[in-house]
Amino acid sequence: MDKKEEILVTMTELFAQKGYNTSMSDISKKVGIKVQSIYSHYESKDQIVYLVLKKEIFTLLYFF
């Protein structure tokens, strides 16, 4: 899994635990990278949240 995907997976896990209060620092610590490195893959926390929610919604729709 590349870092970009690992960030999304990690955000999915942390978002389930902490909700929108999940910080970029939380993500970076769990992935093992600097916060600045996240921004080389994504523009903002909101973009990551959007992609996570989009993926989860499409997964739910698949089953209905």
N, C-alpha and C. Protein backbone atom coordinates (compact mmCIF):
# COMPACT_ATOMS: atom_id res chain seq x y z
N MET A 1 0.85 -1.17 0.00
CA MET A 1 0.00 0.00 0.00
C MET A 1 0.90 1.24 0.00
N ASP A 2 0.61 2.18 -0.89
CA ASP A 2 1.41 3.40 -0.92
C ASP A 2 0.96 4.36 0.18
N LYS A 3 1.76 5.40 0.43
CA LYS A 3 1.47 6.33 1.53
C LYS A 3 0.14 7.03 1.35
N LYS A 4 -0.21 7.38 0.12
CA LYS A 4 -1.47 8.08 -0.13
C LYS A 4 -2.65 7.21 0.33
N GLU A 5 -2.62 5.95 -0.03
CA GLU A 5 -3.69 5.02 0.38
C GLU A 5 -3.63 4.78 1.89
N GLU A 6 -2.43 4.68 2.43
CA GLU A 6 -2.27 4.45 3.87
C GLU A 6 -2.86 5.62 4.68
N ILE A 7 -2.70 6.83 4.17
CA ILE A 7 -3.28 8.01 4.83
C ILE A 7 -4.80 7.89 4.85
N LEU A 8 -5.40 7.49 3.73
CA LEU A 8 -6.86 7.34 3.67
C LEU A 8 -7.36 6.25 4.62
N VAL A 9 -6.68 5.13 4.63
CA VAL A 9 -7.07 4.02 5.51
C VAL A 9 -6.96 4.46 6.97
N THR A 10 -5.87 5.12 7.29
CA THR A 10 -5.66 5.60 8.66
C THR A 10 -6.71 6.62 9.05
N MET A 11 -7.03 7.54 8.15
CA MET A 11 -8.06 8.53 8.44
C MET A 11 -9.41 7.86 8.66
N THR A 12 -9.69 6.82 7.89
CA THR A 12 -10.95 6.08 8.07
C THR A 12 -11.02 5.50 9.47
N GLU A 13 -9.94 4.88 9.92
CA GLU A 13 -9.90 4.29 11.26
C GLU A 13 -10.04 5.35 12.35
N LEU A 14 -9.25 6.41 12.23
CA LEU A 14 -9.26 7.45 13.25
C LEU A 14 -10.57 8.22 13.26
N PHE A 15 -11.12 8.46 12.07
CA PHE A 15 -12.39 9.18 11.97
C PHE A 15 -13.51 8.39 12.66
N ALA A 16 -13.45 7.07 12.55
CA ALA A 16 -14.44 6.22 13.22
C ALA A 16 -14.31 6.34 14.74
N GLN A 17 -13.10 6.56 15.22
CA GLN A 17 -12.85 6.66 16.66
C GLN A 17 -13.08 8.06 17.21
N LYS A 18 -12.54 9.07 16.51
CA LYS A 18 -12.51 10.43 17.05
C LYS A 18 -13.41 11.41 16.31
N GLY A 19 -13.97 10.98 15.19
CA GLY A 19 -14.79 11.89 14.40
C GLY A 19 -13.95 12.98 13.75
N TYR A 20 -14.61 14.12 13.49
CA TYR A 20 -13.93 15.21 12.79
C TYR A 20 -12.81 15.82 13.64
N ASN A 21 -12.76 15.49 14.92
CA ASN A 21 -11.69 15.99 15.78
C ASN A 21 -10.34 15.34 15.48
N THR A 22 -10.32 14.35 14.62
CA THR A 22 -9.06 13.74 14.21
C THR A 22 -8.18 14.81 13.59
N SER A 23 -6.96 14.92 14.06
CA SER A 23 -6.06 15.95 13.54
C SER A 23 -5.08 15.36 12.53
N MET A 24 -4.49 16.25 11.76
CA MET A 24 -3.46 15.83 10.81
C MET A 24 -2.28 15.23 11.58
N SER A 25 -2.04 15.74 12.77
CA SER A 25 -0.98 15.20 13.61
C SER A 25 -1.28 13.77 14.03
N ASP A 26 -2.55 13.49 14.35
CA ASP A 26 -2.95 12.11 14.68
C ASP A 26 -2.65 11.17 13.52
N ILE A 27 -3.01 11.62 12.33
CA ILE A 27 -2.79 10.81 11.13
C ILE A 27 -1.30 10.59 10.91
N SER A 28 -0.53 11.67 10.97
CA SER A 28 0.91 11.56 10.69
C SER A 28 1.61 10.63 11.67
N LYS A 29 1.23 10.70 12.94
CA LYS A 29 1.85 9.83 13.94
C LYS A 29 1.57 8.36 13.65
N LYS A 30 0.33 8.07 13.30
CA LYS A 30 -0.05 6.67 13.05
C LYS A 30 0.58 6.14 11.76
N VAL A 31 0.69 7.00 10.74
CA VAL A 31 1.29 6.57 9.47
C VAL A 31 2.81 6.55 9.56
N GLY A 32 3.36 7.39 10.45
CA GLY A 32 4.82 7.45 10.60
C GLY A 32 5.48 8.42 9.64
N ILE A 33 4.78 9.51 9.35
CA ILE A 33 5.32 10.54 8.47
C ILE A 33 5.10 11.90 9.12
N LYS A 34 5.72 12.94 8.55
CA LYS A 34 5.51 14.30 9.04
C LYS A 34 4.20 14.85 8.50
N VAL A 35 3.61 15.76 9.25
CA VAL A 35 2.35 16.38 8.83
C VAL A 35 2.50 17.00 7.43
N GLN A 36 3.63 17.63 7.17
CA GLN A 36 3.86 18.27 5.87
C GLN A 36 3.79 17.26 4.73
N SER A 37 4.17 16.03 5.01
CA SER A 37 4.12 14.99 3.97
C SER A 37 2.69 14.67 3.56
N ILE A 38 1.76 14.79 4.49
CA ILE A 38 0.35 14.56 4.16
C ILE A 38 -0.09 15.57 3.11
N TYR A 39 0.36 16.82 3.30
CA TYR A 39 -0.03 17.89 2.37
C TYR A 39 0.60 17.74 0.99
N SER A 40 1.58 16.88 0.85
CA SER A 40 2.12 16.61 -0.49
C SER A 40 1.21 15.66 -1.26
N HIS A 41 0.30 15.00 -0.55
CA HIS A 41 -0.66 14.09 -1.17
C HIS A 41 -2.07 14.67 -1.23
N TYR A 42 -2.43 15.47 -0.24
CA TYR A 42 -3.79 16.00 -0.13
C TYR A 42 -3.73 17.49 0.22
N GLU A 43 -4.72 18.23 -0.26
CA GLU A 43 -4.76 19.68 -0.03
C GLU A 43 -5.12 20.04 1.40
N SER A 44 -6.00 19.25 2.01
CA SER A 44 -6.50 19.61 3.33
C SER A 44 -7.11 18.40 4.03
N LYS A 45 -7.37 18.57 5.30
CA LYS A 45 -8.07 17.54 6.06
C LYS A 45 -9.47 17.33 5.48
N ASP A 46 -10.10 18.41 5.08
CA ASP A 46 -11.44 18.31 4.49
C ASP A 46 -11.45 17.44 3.24
N GLN A 47 -10.41 17.54 2.44
CA GLN A 47 -10.33 16.71 1.24
C GLN A 47 -10.24 15.23 1.62
N ILE A 48 -9.45 14.92 2.63
CA ILE A 48 -9.32 13.53 3.07
C ILE A 48 -10.65 13.03 3.62
N VAL A 49 -11.30 13.84 4.44
CA VAL A 49 -12.60 13.45 5.00
C VAL A 49 -13.60 13.21 3.87
N TYR A 50 -13.62 14.09 2.89
CA TYR A 50 -14.53 13.94 1.75
C TYR A 50 -14.29 12.61 1.04
N LEU A 51 -13.03 12.28 0.78
CA LEU A 51 -12.70 11.04 0.07
C LEU A 51 -13.06 9.80 0.90
N VAL A 52 -12.83 9.87 2.20
CA VAL A 52 -13.20 8.76 3.09
C VAL A 52 -14.71 8.56 3.08
N LEU A 53 -15.45 9.64 3.25
CA LEU A 53 -16.91 9.54 3.28
C LEU A 53 -17.47 9.08 1.93
N LYS A 54 -16.89 9.57 0.86
CA LYS A 54 -17.31 9.16 -0.48
C LYS A 54 -17.14 7.66 -0.66
N LYS A 55 -15.99 7.15 -0.25
CA LYS A 55 -15.71 5.72 -0.36
C LYS A 55 -16.71 4.91 0.47
N GLU A 56 -16.97 5.36 1.69
CA GLU A 56 -17.89 4.64 2.57
C GLU A 56 -19.32 4.68 2.03
N ILE A 57 -19.73 5.80 1.47
CA ILE A 57 -21.08 5.91 0.90
C ILE A 57 -21.23 4.97 -0.29
N PHE A 58 -20.22 4.94 -1.17
CA PHE A 58 -20.29 4.04 -2.32
C PHE A 58 -20.30 2.57 -1.87
N THR A 59 -19.58 2.27 -0.81
CA THR A 59 -19.60 0.90 -0.28
C THR A 59 -21.00 0.55 0.22
N LEU A 60 -21.62 1.46 0.95
CA LEU A 60 -22.99 1.22 1.43
C LEU A 60 -23.98 1.08 0.28
N LEU A 61 -23.87 1.92 -0.72
CA LEU A 61 -24.78 1.87 -1.86
C LEU A 61 -24.64 0.56 -2.63
N TYR A 62 -23.45 0.01 -2.65
CA TYR A 62 -23.21 -1.25 -3.34
C TYR A 62 -24.09 -2.37 -2.77
N PHE A 63 -24.33 -2.32 -1.47
CA PHE A 63 -25.11 -3.37 -0.81
C PHE A 63 -26.61 -3.14 -0.85
N PHE A 64 -27.05 -2.00 -1.37
CA PHE A 64 -28.49 -1.72 -1.43
C PHE A 64 -29.00 -1.73 -2.83
